[in-house]
Each structure stands twice: as structure tokens, then as C-alpha cells.
Amino acid sequence: MKRNFYAAILATSLVAGCGSSDSDGASVGTTITLNPSSITWTASADLNPGAFERTRVTVSLVRGEAPLANTEVELFLDLSDGTTTGGQAMVLRDTDGTAHASPYKVTTDSNGIARVLVDVFIGEGTSYTGSLSAYSGAALGSMTITVSCEDGTATCP
């Protein structure tokens, strides 16, 4: 009888520990949320060529109602198909400001959160669309990035 009692306690403690972290990526049922869910800027032809806006992005992982700590997330910053620009339109950075190529791997903290910076170039009337996507195991989250012209056209003067 005692042996069954201890086996039940051991099994319960093992199950209770599941889901608190996932070093190999998130499993089915995990939600990845990026905040903000979109970045929208209006470019102006009178801005200098190097003008950009920097946005802090929070990536959070939750399974059920529990944050998923210490979990690796791959971030991809991409222009939409068919979009061309005269130079690098978007840059993914860590919170210290260091630029990283896609994919860039981050790990969530004890609250299931990772933070990055996204630089969006808006100088000289640039116009483009893109996205920041986050992947971890079976989970995916993304945000849209849109830079449009001051006059609402697809190509700025």
C-alpha cells in the first residue's frame, strides 16, 4: 500500500513539472504571441535615406494558461514576396542593439517572454511590407510590418 502511495506521488510530481519549460521547442497547444501584432509607418520623401523607427517587440509563449519558460524561439524577419527595396529595409536586434541575421534564436525568460528590437527603415519615401515570424517546435506566431507612402501610393515619388 505504501509503495503505491509513493508511486502515485512520484507520478503526480513528474506530471506537475511538465510544461514549465521546453528546451527543444514548444509542443502542440502552445500559443506564441508577438506584441505589438503589427507595425505600420508612413514614409515621407523628405526624410533622409537613413531614417528608421525602432520598435520593441515582446514574444510570449503560453501553453494552456502557463507561461513557457526557458524555451528556444527562432525569429525570422522577411520582406513579403515580390517586395523590393533599394537596401536593407528591416533589421532584427537584441535588446542591447546588436543586429542579427534571420533566423535569430532567443530563449524565453522565467515568465515565458523574450524581447527583441525591430528597426524599420522609412527614409526617402520607402514603401514595403514584411513580417516577423516566431517558431518554436509546433507553435507559430507572427506580426505584419507595413511601410507605406505619405500619399498612399505603392511607390513613393
Protein backbone atom coordinates (compact mmCIF):
# COMPACT_ATOMS: atom_id res chain seq x y z
CA MET A 1 0.00 0.00 0.00
CA LYS A 2 2.81 2.42 0.94
CA ARG A 3 4.61 1.60 -2.30
CA ASN A 4 1.52 2.54 -4.39
CA PHE A 5 1.17 5.77 -2.42
CA TYR A 6 4.78 6.80 -3.13
CA ALA A 7 4.46 5.78 -6.78
CA ALA A 8 1.36 7.98 -7.10
CA ILE A 9 3.17 10.95 -5.51
CA LEU A 10 6.17 10.46 -7.83
CA ALA A 11 3.93 10.28 -10.91
CA THR A 12 2.00 13.37 -9.83
CA SER A 13 5.19 15.38 -9.29
CA LEU A 14 6.53 14.36 -12.70
CA VAL A 15 3.33 15.41 -14.44
CA ALA A 16 3.21 18.70 -12.50
CA GLY A 17 6.69 19.53 -13.75
CA CYS A 18 5.72 19.08 -17.39
CA GLY A 19 5.09 22.18 -19.46
CA SER A 20 7.16 24.62 -17.42
CA SER A 21 9.96 24.72 -19.97
CA ASP A 22 10.81 23.26 -23.37
CA SER A 23 14.43 23.49 -24.48
CA ASP A 24 13.58 21.62 -27.72
CA GLY A 25 10.77 23.97 -28.67
CA ALA A 26 7.13 24.28 -27.83
CA SER A 27 4.71 21.40 -28.20
CA VAL A 28 1.25 21.30 -29.74
CA GLY A 29 -1.12 23.55 -27.81
CA THR A 30 1.43 26.33 -27.26
CA THR A 31 0.50 29.85 -28.33
CA ILE A 32 3.14 32.34 -29.48
CA THR A 33 2.04 35.97 -29.31
CA LEU A 34 4.01 38.94 -30.65
CA ASN A 35 3.25 42.35 -29.23
CA PRO A 36 2.61 44.64 -30.99
CA SER A 37 0.79 42.44 -33.52
CA SER A 38 1.73 44.83 -36.34
CA ILE A 39 3.98 47.78 -37.14
CA THR A 40 2.71 50.43 -39.54
CA TRP A 41 4.66 53.51 -40.60
CA THR A 42 4.18 56.17 -43.24
CA ALA A 43 7.29 57.02 -45.22
CA SER A 44 7.97 60.51 -46.47
CA ALA A 45 10.06 61.53 -49.47
CA ASP A 46 11.64 64.33 -47.44
CA LEU A 47 13.14 62.01 -44.79
CA ASN A 48 16.87 61.31 -45.03
CA PRO A 49 17.96 57.95 -46.51
CA GLY A 50 18.89 56.51 -43.12
CA ALA A 51 15.65 57.36 -41.29
CA PHE A 52 14.24 54.45 -39.28
CA GLU A 53 11.86 53.70 -36.48
CA ARG A 54 12.77 51.21 -33.73
CA THR A 55 10.06 49.10 -32.13
CA ARG A 56 10.41 46.87 -29.05
CA VAL A 57 8.72 43.53 -29.68
CA THR A 58 7.69 41.11 -26.94
CA VAL A 59 7.42 37.42 -27.82
CA SER A 60 5.45 35.36 -25.31
CA LEU A 61 4.85 31.61 -25.16
CA VAL A 62 1.93 30.13 -23.25
CA ARG A 63 0.69 26.55 -23.03
CA GLY A 64 -2.80 26.47 -21.59
CA GLU A 65 -2.59 29.28 -19.06
CA ALA A 66 1.03 28.67 -18.04
CA PRO A 67 3.98 30.68 -19.42
CA LEU A 68 6.57 28.50 -21.15
CA ALA A 69 9.95 29.38 -19.62
CA ASN A 70 13.43 28.60 -20.96
CA THR A 71 12.14 27.74 -24.42
CA GLU A 72 14.04 28.44 -27.63
CA VAL A 73 12.26 30.52 -30.28
CA GLU A 74 13.52 31.17 -33.82
CA LEU A 75 12.72 34.59 -35.25
CA PHE A 76 12.59 35.32 -38.99
CA LEU A 77 12.37 38.84 -40.39
CA ASP A 78 11.28 38.73 -44.03
CA LEU A 79 10.04 41.01 -46.79
CA SER A 80 6.82 39.88 -48.47
CA ASP A 81 7.10 38.05 -51.79
CA GLY A 82 7.60 40.44 -54.68
CA THR A 83 8.71 43.29 -52.41
CA THR A 84 11.95 45.00 -53.36
CA THR A 85 13.77 47.87 -51.73
CA GLY A 86 16.93 49.76 -52.53
CA GLY A 87 18.67 48.46 -49.40
CA GLN A 88 18.10 46.70 -46.12
CA ALA A 89 14.55 47.56 -45.10
CA MET A 90 14.32 45.84 -41.70
CA VAL A 91 16.86 44.83 -39.06
CA LEU A 92 16.35 42.43 -36.16
CA ARG A 93 18.29 43.36 -33.00
CA ASP A 94 18.72 42.05 -29.48
CA THR A 95 17.80 44.38 -26.62
CA ASP A 96 21.40 45.64 -26.49
CA GLY A 97 21.02 46.89 -30.08
CA THR A 98 23.25 44.30 -31.78
CA ALA A 99 21.99 43.36 -35.27
CA HIS A 100 21.28 39.68 -36.04
CA ALA A 101 20.58 37.82 -39.27
CA SER A 102 17.48 35.67 -39.66
CA PRO A 103 16.93 33.18 -38.22
CA TYR A 104 17.82 34.59 -34.81
CA LYS A 105 17.35 32.33 -31.79
CA VAL A 106 16.18 33.67 -28.44
CA THR A 107 15.18 31.91 -25.23
CA THR A 108 12.19 32.86 -23.12
CA ASP A 109 12.76 34.02 -19.55
CA SER A 110 11.08 32.57 -16.44
CA ASN A 111 7.86 34.39 -17.43
CA GLY A 112 7.76 32.86 -20.92
CA ILE A 113 8.85 36.12 -22.57
CA ALA A 114 11.65 37.11 -24.95
CA ARG A 115 12.27 40.65 -26.18
CA VAL A 116 13.85 41.96 -29.40
CA LEU A 117 14.05 45.22 -31.32
CA VAL A 118 12.98 45.72 -34.93
CA ASP A 119 14.35 48.61 -36.97
CA VAL A 120 12.06 49.61 -39.85
CA PHE A 121 13.62 51.93 -42.42
CA ILE A 122 11.27 54.69 -43.56
CA GLY A 123 13.60 57.16 -45.28
CA GLU A 124 13.33 58.62 -48.79
CA GLY A 125 9.75 57.51 -49.34
CA THR A 126 10.38 53.78 -48.95
CA SER A 127 7.34 51.50 -49.34
CA TYR A 128 7.24 47.77 -48.50
CA THR A 129 5.58 45.03 -46.48
CA GLY A 130 7.10 42.27 -44.40
CA SER A 131 6.71 40.15 -41.32
CA LEU A 132 8.39 38.97 -38.16
CA SER A 133 7.64 35.29 -37.57
CA ALA A 134 8.38 33.29 -34.42
CA TYR A 135 8.68 29.49 -34.46
CA SER A 136 9.15 27.10 -31.58
CA GLY A 137 8.53 23.40 -32.10
CA ALA A 138 4.92 23.07 -33.24
CA ALA A 139 3.98 26.69 -32.47
CA LEU A 140 3.99 29.74 -34.76
CA GLY A 141 3.26 33.42 -34.22
CA SER A 142 3.77 36.41 -36.47
CA MET A 143 3.32 40.15 -36.86
CA THR A 144 2.97 42.24 -40.01
CA ILE A 145 5.18 45.17 -40.93
CA THR A 146 3.92 47.80 -43.37
CA VAL A 147 5.61 50.95 -44.59
CA SER A 148 3.51 52.96 -46.99
CA CYS A 149 3.98 56.21 -48.84
CA GLU A 150 2.88 59.54 -47.48
CA ASP A 151 0.48 59.98 -50.41
CA GLY A 152 -0.98 56.45 -50.09
CA THR A 153 0.54 55.14 -53.31
CA ALA A 154 2.51 51.92 -53.72
CA THR A 155 5.59 53.76 -54.99
CA CYS A 156 6.72 56.96 -53.39
CA PRO A 157 7.74 59.91 -55.51
